[in-house]
């Protein structure tokens, strides 16, 4: 059973516990802007949350938030997932050393 991409994005970005996006429309737009890749949209969504999560202000009291590190760490996890997804889709991309080469004359 696979989840709806919007629902998966809500889970990945922990929207229930830490709401940031206004509604499903914002999440849909985030998904579209990131090529309908849930892992890429999750990565970028975490970066957005990290950028905006620098302080909490309640009346005259201001408290710096420590969630920025949490969101950046989570973003790194989703970036690794996205990189693996891209590598799977593009198997011609090689990493490491090239151990054999073709002759220039084609033989």
N, C-alpha and C. Protein backbone atom coordinates (compact mmCIF):
# COMPACT_ATOMS: atom_id res chain seq x y z
N UNK A 1 0.84 -1.17 0.00
CA UNK A 1 0.00 0.00 0.00
C UNK A 1 0.89 1.25 0.00
N UNK A 2 0.71 2.11 -0.97
CA UNK A 2 1.46 3.35 -1.02
C UNK A 2 0.58 4.51 -0.61
N UNK A 3 1.18 5.45 0.07
CA UNK A 3 0.45 6.63 0.52
C UNK A 3 0.35 7.65 -0.61
N UNK A 4 -0.64 8.46 -0.51
CA UNK A 4 -0.78 9.62 -1.38
C UNK A 4 0.46 10.50 -1.15
N UNK A 5 1.04 11.06 -2.20
CA UNK A 5 2.26 11.88 -2.03
C UNK A 5 2.09 13.03 -1.04
N UNK A 6 0.92 13.66 -1.03
CA UNK A 6 0.68 14.76 -0.09
C UNK A 6 0.68 14.23 1.35
N UNK A 7 0.08 13.10 1.57
CA UNK A 7 0.05 12.51 2.91
C UNK A 7 1.46 12.10 3.34
N UNK A 8 2.24 11.56 2.42
CA UNK A 8 3.62 11.19 2.72
C UNK A 8 4.44 12.43 3.08
N UNK A 9 4.21 13.50 2.34
CA UNK A 9 4.90 14.76 2.61
C UNK A 9 4.53 15.31 3.99
N UNK A 10 3.25 15.21 4.34
CA UNK A 10 2.81 15.65 5.68
C UNK A 10 3.52 14.86 6.77
N UNK A 11 3.67 13.56 6.57
CA UNK A 11 4.36 12.73 7.56
C UNK A 11 5.84 13.10 7.62
N UNK A 12 6.47 13.20 6.47
CA UNK A 12 7.90 13.51 6.42
C UNK A 12 8.21 14.86 7.06
N UNK A 13 7.36 15.85 6.82
CA UNK A 13 7.58 17.19 7.34
C UNK A 13 6.95 17.40 8.72
N UNK A 14 6.35 16.36 9.25
CA UNK A 14 5.73 16.38 10.58
C UNK A 14 4.78 17.56 10.74
N UNK A 15 3.94 17.72 9.75
CA UNK A 15 3.01 18.85 9.73
C UNK A 15 1.99 18.80 10.86
N UNK A 16 1.68 17.63 11.35
CA UNK A 16 0.71 17.52 12.43
C UNK A 16 1.28 18.12 13.73
N UNK A 17 2.55 17.83 14.00
CA UNK A 17 3.19 18.31 15.22
C UNK A 17 3.76 19.72 15.07
N UNK A 18 4.33 20.01 13.88
CA UNK A 18 4.99 21.29 13.63
C UNK A 18 4.45 21.91 12.34
N UNK A 19 3.24 22.46 12.38
CA UNK A 19 2.65 23.00 11.15
C UNK A 19 3.42 24.22 10.65
N UNK A 20 3.65 24.25 9.35
CA UNK A 20 4.33 25.36 8.70
C UNK A 20 3.57 25.76 7.44
N UNK A 21 3.19 24.76 6.67
CA UNK A 21 2.48 25.00 5.42
C UNK A 21 1.00 25.20 5.73
N UNK A 22 0.38 26.13 5.00
CA UNK A 22 -0.99 26.53 5.29
C UNK A 22 -1.99 25.41 5.03
N UNK A 23 -1.80 24.64 4.00
CA UNK A 23 -2.74 23.57 3.70
C UNK A 23 -2.19 22.65 2.63
N UNK A 24 -3.05 21.78 2.17
CA UNK A 24 -2.65 20.82 1.14
C UNK A 24 -2.22 21.52 -0.15
N UNK A 25 -2.77 22.69 -0.41
CA UNK A 25 -2.40 23.42 -1.62
C UNK A 25 -0.93 23.82 -1.59
N UNK A 26 -0.44 24.28 -0.44
CA UNK A 26 0.97 24.63 -0.30
C UNK A 26 1.85 23.40 -0.49
N UNK A 27 1.43 22.28 0.08
CA UNK A 27 2.20 21.04 -0.07
C UNK A 27 2.19 20.56 -1.52
N UNK A 28 1.06 20.71 -2.18
CA UNK A 28 0.96 20.32 -3.59
C UNK A 28 1.90 21.17 -4.43
N UNK A 29 1.95 22.47 -4.15
CA UNK A 29 2.85 23.36 -4.88
C UNK A 29 4.32 23.01 -4.61
N UNK A 30 4.64 22.70 -3.37
CA UNK A 30 6.00 22.28 -3.03
C UNK A 30 6.37 21.02 -3.80
N UNK A 31 5.44 20.10 -3.89
CA UNK A 31 5.67 18.86 -4.62
C UNK A 31 5.87 19.12 -6.12
N UNK A 32 5.05 19.96 -6.69
CA UNK A 32 5.16 20.29 -8.12
C UNK A 32 6.49 21.00 -8.41
N UNK A 33 6.87 21.94 -7.55
CA UNK A 33 8.11 22.69 -7.75
C UNK A 33 9.35 21.80 -7.65
N UNK A 34 9.19 20.64 -7.04
CA UNK A 34 10.31 19.73 -6.88
C UNK A 34 10.14 18.46 -7.71
N UNK A 35 9.52 18.61 -8.86
CA UNK A 35 9.41 17.53 -9.82
C UNK A 35 8.60 16.33 -9.37
N UNK A 36 7.63 16.55 -8.47
CA UNK A 36 6.78 15.49 -7.92
C UNK A 36 7.57 14.41 -7.19
N UNK A 37 8.75 14.76 -6.74
CA UNK A 37 9.57 13.84 -5.94
C UNK A 37 9.31 14.13 -4.46
N UNK A 38 8.76 13.15 -3.76
CA UNK A 38 8.45 13.33 -2.34
C UNK A 38 9.74 13.55 -1.54
N UNK A 39 10.80 12.81 -1.87
CA UNK A 39 12.04 12.96 -1.11
C UNK A 39 12.66 14.35 -1.33
N UNK A 40 12.63 14.85 -2.56
CA UNK A 40 13.17 16.19 -2.83
C UNK A 40 12.31 17.26 -2.17
N UNK A 41 10.99 17.12 -2.26
CA UNK A 41 10.09 18.08 -1.62
C UNK A 41 10.24 18.04 -0.10
N UNK A 42 10.48 16.86 0.46
CA UNK A 42 10.70 16.73 1.90
C UNK A 42 11.99 17.43 2.30
N UNK A 43 13.03 17.23 1.50
CA UNK A 43 14.32 17.88 1.75
C UNK A 43 14.15 19.40 1.75
N UNK A 44 13.53 19.92 0.69
CA UNK A 44 13.36 21.36 0.58
C UNK A 44 12.41 21.90 1.65
N UNK A 45 11.38 21.14 1.98
CA UNK A 45 10.45 21.57 3.03
C UNK A 45 11.14 21.67 4.39
N UNK A 46 12.02 20.73 4.68
CA UNK A 46 12.78 20.79 5.93
C UNK A 46 13.70 22.00 5.96
N UNK A 47 14.31 22.31 4.81
CA UNK A 47 15.16 23.50 4.74
C UNK A 47 14.35 24.78 4.97
N UNK A 48 13.14 24.82 4.43
CA UNK A 48 12.27 25.98 4.65
C UNK A 48 11.91 26.11 6.13
N UNK A 49 11.61 24.99 6.76
CA UNK A 49 11.27 25.02 8.18
C UNK A 49 12.47 25.44 9.01
N UNK A 50 13.65 24.99 8.63
CA UNK A 50 14.87 25.36 9.37
C UNK A 50 15.14 26.85 9.24
N UNK A 51 14.92 27.39 8.06
CA UNK A 51 15.19 28.81 7.82
C UNK A 51 14.23 29.71 8.60
N UNK A 52 13.02 29.27 8.79
CA UNK A 52 12.03 30.10 9.46
C UNK A 52 11.97 29.84 10.96
N UNK A 53 12.60 28.79 11.44
CA UNK A 53 12.48 28.39 12.84
C UNK A 53 13.69 28.87 13.64
N UNK A 54 13.76 30.20 13.85
CA UNK A 54 14.90 30.70 14.60
C UNK A 54 14.54 31.25 15.97
N UNK A 55 13.29 31.64 16.17
CA UNK A 55 12.91 32.09 17.50
C UNK A 55 11.42 31.92 17.71
N UNK A 56 11.07 31.80 18.96
CA UNK A 56 9.66 31.70 19.36
C UNK A 56 9.37 32.93 20.21
N UNK A 57 8.30 33.63 19.87
CA UNK A 57 7.97 34.85 20.59
C UNK A 57 6.56 34.72 21.14
N UNK A 58 6.46 34.83 22.47
CA UNK A 58 5.18 34.79 23.14
C UNK A 58 5.10 36.06 23.99
N UNK A 59 4.33 37.02 23.52
CA UNK A 59 4.26 38.30 24.22
C UNK A 59 5.63 38.95 24.29
N UNK A 60 6.03 39.39 25.48
CA UNK A 60 7.34 40.02 25.63
C UNK A 60 8.50 39.04 25.75
N UNK A 61 8.20 37.75 25.77
CA UNK A 61 9.23 36.73 25.96
C UNK A 61 9.67 36.19 24.60
N UNK A 62 10.98 36.19 24.38
CA UNK A 62 11.55 35.62 23.15
C UNK A 62 12.49 34.49 23.52
N UNK A 63 12.37 33.39 22.82
CA UNK A 63 13.21 32.23 23.08
C UNK A 63 13.77 31.73 21.75
N UNK A 64 15.09 31.65 21.67
CA UNK A 64 15.71 31.08 20.47
C UNK A 64 15.35 29.60 20.41
N UNK A 65 15.01 29.14 19.22
CA UNK A 65 14.61 27.76 19.04
C UNK A 65 15.80 26.89 18.67
N UNK A 66 15.81 25.68 19.15
CA UNK A 66 16.88 24.74 18.80
C UNK A 66 16.44 23.79 17.68
N UNK A 67 15.25 24.04 17.14
CA UNK A 67 14.74 23.14 16.10
C UNK A 67 15.45 23.29 14.77
N UNK A 68 16.18 24.38 14.57
CA UNK A 68 16.87 24.59 13.30
C UNK A 68 17.81 23.42 13.00
N UNK A 69 18.56 22.99 14.00
CA UNK A 69 19.47 21.85 13.81
C UNK A 69 18.69 20.58 13.50
N UNK A 70 17.57 20.41 14.15
CA UNK A 70 16.73 19.23 13.91
C UNK A 70 16.28 19.20 12.45
N UNK A 71 15.77 20.32 11.94
CA UNK A 71 15.26 20.37 10.57
C UNK A 71 16.39 20.20 9.55
N UNK A 72 17.56 20.77 9.84
CA UNK A 72 18.70 20.60 8.94
C UNK A 72 19.18 19.15 8.91
N UNK A 73 19.17 18.48 10.06
CA UNK A 73 19.55 17.07 10.11
C UNK A 73 18.55 16.22 9.33
N UNK A 74 17.28 16.51 9.51
CA UNK A 74 16.23 15.79 8.78
C UNK A 74 16.34 16.06 7.28
N UNK A 75 16.67 17.30 6.92
CA UNK A 75 16.85 17.65 5.50
C UNK A 75 17.99 16.84 4.89
N UNK A 76 19.06 16.64 5.65
CA UNK A 76 20.19 15.85 5.14
C UNK A 76 19.79 14.41 4.86
N UNK A 77 18.92 13.87 5.69
CA UNK A 77 18.43 12.50 5.48
C UNK A 77 17.62 12.42 4.19
N UNK A 78 16.72 13.38 3.98
CA UNK A 78 15.89 13.37 2.77
C UNK A 78 16.72 13.70 1.52
N UNK A 79 17.78 14.49 1.67
CA UNK A 79 18.67 14.75 0.54
C UNK A 79 19.38 13.47 0.11
N UNK A 80 19.81 12.68 1.08
CA UNK A 80 20.45 11.40 0.77
C UNK A 80 19.46 10.48 0.06
N UNK A 81 18.21 10.48 0.52
CA UNK A 81 17.17 9.69 -0.15
C UNK A 81 16.97 10.16 -1.59
N UNK A 82 16.95 11.48 -1.78
CA UNK A 82 16.77 12.03 -3.12
C UNK A 82 17.96 11.69 -4.02
N UNK A 83 19.17 11.81 -3.48
CA UNK A 83 20.36 11.46 -4.26
C UNK A 83 20.34 9.99 -4.68
N UNK A 84 19.87 9.12 -3.79
CA UNK A 84 19.76 7.69 -4.14
C UNK A 84 18.69 7.49 -5.21
N UNK A 85 17.62 8.23 -5.12
CA UNK A 85 16.54 8.15 -6.12
C UNK A 85 17.06 8.58 -7.49
N UNK A 86 17.82 9.66 -7.54
CA UNK A 86 18.37 10.15 -8.80
C UNK A 86 19.38 9.16 -9.36
N UNK A 87 20.23 8.60 -8.50
CA UNK A 87 21.22 7.63 -8.95
C UNK A 87 20.56 6.38 -9.52
N UNK A 88 19.43 6.00 -8.96
CA UNK A 88 18.69 4.83 -9.45
C UNK A 88 18.07 5.12 -10.82
N UNK A 89 17.62 6.36 -11.02
CA UNK A 89 17.00 6.73 -12.30
C UNK A 89 18.04 6.97 -13.39
N UNK A 90 19.25 7.31 -13.01
CA UNK A 90 20.32 7.61 -13.97
C UNK A 90 21.51 6.68 -13.72
N UNK A 91 21.40 5.43 -14.14
CA UNK A 91 22.48 4.48 -13.85
C UNK A 91 23.77 4.76 -14.62
N UNK A 92 23.74 5.66 -15.60
CA UNK A 92 24.95 5.94 -16.37
C UNK A 92 25.92 6.83 -15.60
N UNK A 93 25.44 7.46 -14.55
CA UNK A 93 26.31 8.30 -13.74
C UNK A 93 27.26 7.39 -12.98
N UNK A 94 28.55 7.61 -13.18
CA UNK A 94 29.54 6.76 -12.52
C UNK A 94 30.22 7.53 -11.41
N UNK A 95 30.61 6.80 -10.41
CA UNK A 95 31.37 7.39 -9.32
C UNK A 95 32.63 6.59 -9.14
N UNK A 96 33.62 7.18 -8.56
CA UNK A 96 34.86 6.46 -8.32
C UNK A 96 35.81 6.56 -9.49
N UNK A 97 36.67 5.57 -9.61
CA UNK A 97 37.71 5.56 -10.64
C UNK A 97 37.24 4.83 -11.89
N UNK A 98 37.71 5.30 -13.02
CA UNK A 98 37.44 4.63 -14.28
C UNK A 98 38.55 3.61 -14.50
N UNK A 99 38.19 2.33 -14.59
CA UNK A 99 39.21 1.29 -14.66
C UNK A 99 39.50 0.80 -16.07
N UNK A 100 38.67 1.20 -17.02
CA UNK A 100 38.95 0.82 -18.40
C UNK A 100 38.52 1.95 -19.32
N UNK A 101 39.19 2.03 -20.45
CA UNK A 101 38.88 3.07 -21.41
C UNK A 101 38.78 2.47 -22.81
N UNK A 102 38.02 3.13 -23.67
CA UNK A 102 37.94 2.71 -25.07
C UNK A 102 39.08 3.33 -25.86
N UNK A 103 39.41 2.65 -26.90
CA UNK A 103 40.44 3.19 -27.80
C UNK A 103 39.85 4.35 -28.57
N UNK A 104 40.66 5.31 -28.90
CA UNK A 104 40.18 6.48 -29.62
C UNK A 104 39.85 6.17 -31.08
N UNK A 105 40.44 5.09 -31.64
CA UNK A 105 40.15 4.75 -33.03
C UNK A 105 38.93 3.82 -33.15
N UNK A 106 38.28 3.53 -32.01
CA UNK A 106 37.05 2.74 -32.05
C UNK A 106 37.22 1.24 -32.15
N UNK A 107 38.42 0.74 -32.08
CA UNK A 107 38.63 -0.71 -32.19
C UNK A 107 38.72 -1.36 -30.85
